[in-house]
Amino acid sequence: MQQSIPAYDKGVTLPMWAAKLMGVVIEKIGPKGLEYARFSIDSHFTRNYLYVKRHYSEKLEAHVPDYAKRIVQQYKLPD
């Protein structure tokens, strides 16, 4: 079972019409192709890095590869 992220649990949900409108807008102006692939990889590495850092900080060095650290270091992340 995957653990949820507390910030997501407390998040505000959009009405369905607003979510569909955002979907159309993002599809028109959002990242595509390789740009989307890079965004997806960065967001997954960042999410996983923050999870390990917050819950298993003593294992961070052993469990996060150098290439992932280089990607994550590009962003100003909260602790």
N, C-alpha and C. Protein backbone atom coordinates (compact mmCIF):
# COMPACT_ATOMS: atom_id res chain seq x y z
N MET A 1 0.84 -1.18 0.00
CA MET A 1 0.00 0.00 0.00
C MET A 1 0.88 1.24 0.00
N GLN A 2 0.62 2.15 -0.91
CA GLN A 2 1.42 3.36 -1.03
C GLN A 2 0.95 4.38 0.00
N GLN A 3 1.92 5.02 0.67
CA GLN A 3 1.57 6.05 1.63
C GLN A 3 1.22 7.33 0.89
N SER A 4 0.28 8.06 1.44
CA SER A 4 -0.07 9.34 0.82
C SER A 4 0.88 10.42 1.31
N ILE A 5 0.86 11.52 0.62
CA ILE A 5 1.66 12.69 1.00
C ILE A 5 0.72 13.63 1.75
N PRO A 6 1.06 13.99 3.00
CA PRO A 6 0.14 14.80 3.82
C PRO A 6 -0.32 16.08 3.12
N ALA A 7 0.55 16.74 2.39
CA ALA A 7 0.15 17.97 1.69
C ALA A 7 -0.94 17.69 0.67
N TYR A 8 -0.89 16.54 0.04
CA TYR A 8 -1.94 16.17 -0.93
C TYR A 8 -3.24 15.90 -0.21
N ASP A 9 -3.17 15.26 0.96
CA ASP A 9 -4.38 14.95 1.72
C ASP A 9 -5.12 16.21 2.14
N LYS A 10 -4.36 17.27 2.42
CA LYS A 10 -4.96 18.53 2.87
C LYS A 10 -5.31 19.44 1.69
N GLY A 11 -4.97 19.02 0.49
CA GLY A 11 -5.16 19.85 -0.70
C GLY A 11 -6.62 20.12 -1.01
N VAL A 12 -6.83 21.20 -1.69
CA VAL A 12 -8.16 21.59 -2.12
C VAL A 12 -8.43 20.92 -3.46
N THR A 13 -9.61 20.38 -3.61
CA THR A 13 -9.97 19.76 -4.89
C THR A 13 -10.74 20.75 -5.74
N LEU A 14 -10.58 20.61 -7.03
CA LEU A 14 -11.28 21.48 -7.97
C LEU A 14 -12.62 20.88 -8.35
N PRO A 15 -13.58 21.73 -8.67
CA PRO A 15 -14.81 21.20 -9.25
C PRO A 15 -14.47 20.55 -10.60
N MET A 16 -15.25 19.57 -11.00
CA MET A 16 -14.95 18.82 -12.22
C MET A 16 -14.82 19.73 -13.44
N TRP A 17 -15.66 20.74 -13.57
CA TRP A 17 -15.59 21.61 -14.74
C TRP A 17 -14.25 22.35 -14.79
N ALA A 18 -13.76 22.76 -13.61
CA ALA A 18 -12.48 23.47 -13.55
C ALA A 18 -11.32 22.52 -13.86
N ALA A 19 -11.41 21.28 -13.37
CA ALA A 19 -10.37 20.30 -13.65
C ALA A 19 -10.31 19.99 -15.15
N LYS A 20 -11.46 19.86 -15.79
CA LYS A 20 -11.49 19.60 -17.25
C LYS A 20 -10.93 20.79 -18.02
N LEU A 21 -11.28 22.00 -17.60
CA LEU A 21 -10.75 23.21 -18.24
C LEU A 21 -9.24 23.27 -18.11
N MET A 22 -8.73 22.99 -16.91
CA MET A 22 -7.28 22.98 -16.71
C MET A 22 -6.62 21.92 -17.58
N GLY A 23 -7.25 20.76 -17.72
CA GLY A 23 -6.72 19.71 -18.58
C GLY A 23 -6.56 20.18 -20.02
N VAL A 24 -7.55 20.89 -20.52
CA VAL A 24 -7.49 21.41 -21.90
C VAL A 24 -6.37 22.44 -22.03
N VAL A 25 -6.28 23.34 -21.07
CA VAL A 25 -5.25 24.38 -21.11
C VAL A 25 -3.85 23.76 -21.02
N ILE A 26 -3.66 22.83 -20.11
CA ILE A 26 -2.35 22.19 -19.94
C ILE A 26 -1.98 21.41 -21.20
N GLU A 27 -2.97 20.77 -21.81
CA GLU A 27 -2.70 20.03 -23.05
C GLU A 27 -2.24 20.96 -24.16
N LYS A 28 -2.78 22.17 -24.19
CA LYS A 28 -2.42 23.14 -25.23
C LYS A 28 -1.07 23.80 -24.99
N ILE A 29 -0.79 24.16 -23.73
CA ILE A 29 0.43 24.95 -23.47
C ILE A 29 1.47 24.21 -22.62
N GLY A 30 1.12 23.03 -22.13
CA GLY A 30 2.02 22.28 -21.24
C GLY A 30 3.16 21.61 -22.00
N PRO A 31 4.04 20.96 -21.27
CA PRO A 31 5.19 20.30 -21.89
C PRO A 31 4.75 19.11 -22.76
N LYS A 32 5.51 18.90 -23.84
CA LYS A 32 5.21 17.81 -24.76
C LYS A 32 6.50 17.09 -25.13
N GLY A 33 6.39 15.86 -25.58
CA GLY A 33 7.54 15.11 -26.08
C GLY A 33 8.65 14.98 -25.06
N LEU A 34 9.87 15.30 -25.48
CA LEU A 34 11.03 15.18 -24.59
C LEU A 34 10.93 16.11 -23.39
N GLU A 35 10.34 17.27 -23.61
CA GLU A 35 10.16 18.21 -22.50
C GLU A 35 9.27 17.58 -21.42
N TYR A 36 8.20 16.91 -21.82
CA TYR A 36 7.33 16.23 -20.86
C TYR A 36 8.08 15.09 -20.18
N ALA A 37 8.86 14.35 -20.95
CA ALA A 37 9.62 13.23 -20.38
C ALA A 37 10.58 13.73 -19.31
N ARG A 38 11.28 14.82 -19.60
CA ARG A 38 12.21 15.38 -18.61
C ARG A 38 11.47 15.85 -17.36
N PHE A 39 10.34 16.53 -17.57
CA PHE A 39 9.52 16.98 -16.44
C PHE A 39 9.08 15.79 -15.59
N SER A 40 8.64 14.74 -16.23
CA SER A 40 8.15 13.56 -15.52
C SER A 40 9.27 12.91 -14.70
N ILE A 41 10.42 12.75 -15.30
CA ILE A 41 11.57 12.16 -14.60
C ILE A 41 11.97 13.04 -13.41
N ASP A 42 12.10 14.34 -13.65
CA ASP A 42 12.48 15.26 -12.58
C ASP A 42 11.48 15.19 -11.42
N SER A 43 10.20 15.20 -11.73
CA SER A 43 9.20 15.21 -10.66
C SER A 43 9.22 13.90 -9.86
N HIS A 44 9.43 12.77 -10.52
CA HIS A 44 9.48 11.50 -9.81
C HIS A 44 10.74 11.39 -8.94
N PHE A 45 11.88 11.81 -9.49
CA PHE A 45 13.12 11.79 -8.69
C PHE A 45 12.98 12.70 -7.48
N THR A 46 12.40 13.88 -7.69
CA THR A 46 12.24 14.84 -6.62
C THR A 46 11.31 14.29 -5.54
N ARG A 47 10.18 13.73 -5.95
CA ARG A 47 9.24 13.15 -4.98
C ARG A 47 9.90 12.05 -4.16
N ASN A 48 10.61 11.15 -4.84
CA ASN A 48 11.25 10.03 -4.15
C ASN A 48 12.38 10.50 -3.24
N TYR A 49 13.16 11.47 -3.71
CA TYR A 49 14.25 12.02 -2.91
C TYR A 49 13.72 12.62 -1.61
N LEU A 50 12.66 13.43 -1.72
CA LEU A 50 12.09 14.06 -0.54
C LEU A 50 11.52 13.02 0.42
N TYR A 51 10.92 11.98 -0.11
CA TYR A 51 10.37 10.93 0.76
C TYR A 51 11.48 10.25 1.56
N VAL A 52 12.54 9.85 0.87
CA VAL A 52 13.64 9.18 1.56
C VAL A 52 14.29 10.13 2.55
N LYS A 53 14.49 11.38 2.16
CA LYS A 53 15.12 12.36 3.05
C LYS A 53 14.31 12.57 4.32
N ARG A 54 12.99 12.64 4.19
CA ARG A 54 12.13 12.91 5.34
C ARG A 54 11.90 11.70 6.23
N HIS A 55 11.84 10.52 5.63
CA HIS A 55 11.47 9.33 6.40
C HIS A 55 12.66 8.42 6.74
N TYR A 56 13.69 8.45 5.93
CA TYR A 56 14.86 7.57 6.13
C TYR A 56 16.15 8.34 5.85
N SER A 57 16.32 9.47 6.50
CA SER A 57 17.46 10.34 6.18
C SER A 57 18.80 9.63 6.34
N GLU A 58 18.86 8.66 7.24
CA GLU A 58 20.12 7.93 7.42
C GLU A 58 20.45 7.05 6.22
N LYS A 59 19.48 6.77 5.37
CA LYS A 59 19.71 5.92 4.20
C LYS A 59 19.82 6.71 2.90
N LEU A 60 19.75 8.04 2.99
CA LEU A 60 19.73 8.88 1.80
C LEU A 60 20.93 8.64 0.89
N GLU A 61 22.12 8.65 1.45
CA GLU A 61 23.33 8.47 0.63
C GLU A 61 23.37 7.11 -0.06
N ALA A 62 22.90 6.09 0.61
CA ALA A 62 22.96 4.73 0.05
C ALA A 62 21.85 4.47 -0.96
N HIS A 63 20.72 5.16 -0.84
CA HIS A 63 19.56 4.83 -1.65
C HIS A 63 19.28 5.79 -2.80
N VAL A 64 19.92 6.94 -2.81
CA VAL A 64 19.70 7.90 -3.89
C VAL A 64 20.97 7.97 -4.73
N PRO A 65 20.88 7.56 -6.00
CA PRO A 65 22.07 7.57 -6.86
C PRO A 65 22.52 9.00 -7.19
N ASP A 66 23.77 9.13 -7.56
CA ASP A 66 24.34 10.45 -7.86
C ASP A 66 23.61 11.18 -8.97
N TYR A 67 23.18 10.47 -10.01
CA TYR A 67 22.49 11.14 -11.11
C TYR A 67 21.16 11.73 -10.64
N ALA A 68 20.50 11.07 -9.71
CA ALA A 68 19.25 11.61 -9.16
C ALA A 68 19.53 12.83 -8.29
N LYS A 69 20.61 12.79 -7.53
CA LYS A 69 20.98 13.94 -6.70
C LYS A 69 21.28 15.17 -7.57
N ARG A 70 21.94 14.95 -8.70
CA ARG A 70 22.25 16.08 -9.60
C ARG A 70 20.96 16.70 -10.14
N ILE A 71 19.98 15.88 -10.45
CA ILE A 71 18.70 16.41 -10.93
C ILE A 71 18.01 17.19 -9.83
N VAL A 72 17.95 16.63 -8.64
CA VAL A 72 17.24 17.25 -7.52
C VAL A 72 17.92 18.56 -7.10
N GLN A 73 19.24 18.63 -7.20
CA GLN A 73 19.97 19.82 -6.77
C GLN A 73 19.65 21.04 -7.63
N GLN A 74 19.02 20.86 -8.77
CA GLN A 74 18.65 21.97 -9.63
C GLN A 74 17.51 22.82 -9.04
N TYR A 75 16.80 22.25 -8.06
CA TYR A 75 15.60 22.88 -7.52
C TYR A 75 15.81 23.31 -6.08
N LYS A 76 15.12 24.37 -5.69
CA LYS A 76 15.14 24.83 -4.29
C LYS A 76 14.01 24.09 -3.59
N LEU A 77 14.37 23.05 -2.86
CA LEU A 77 13.37 22.20 -2.23
C LEU A 77 13.25 22.49 -0.74
N PRO A 78 12.04 22.34 -0.21
CA PRO A 78 11.89 22.48 1.25
C PRO A 78 12.49 21.29 1.97
N ASP A 79 12.76 21.43 3.24
CA ASP A 79 13.30 20.32 4.03
C ASP A 79 12.25 19.33 4.41
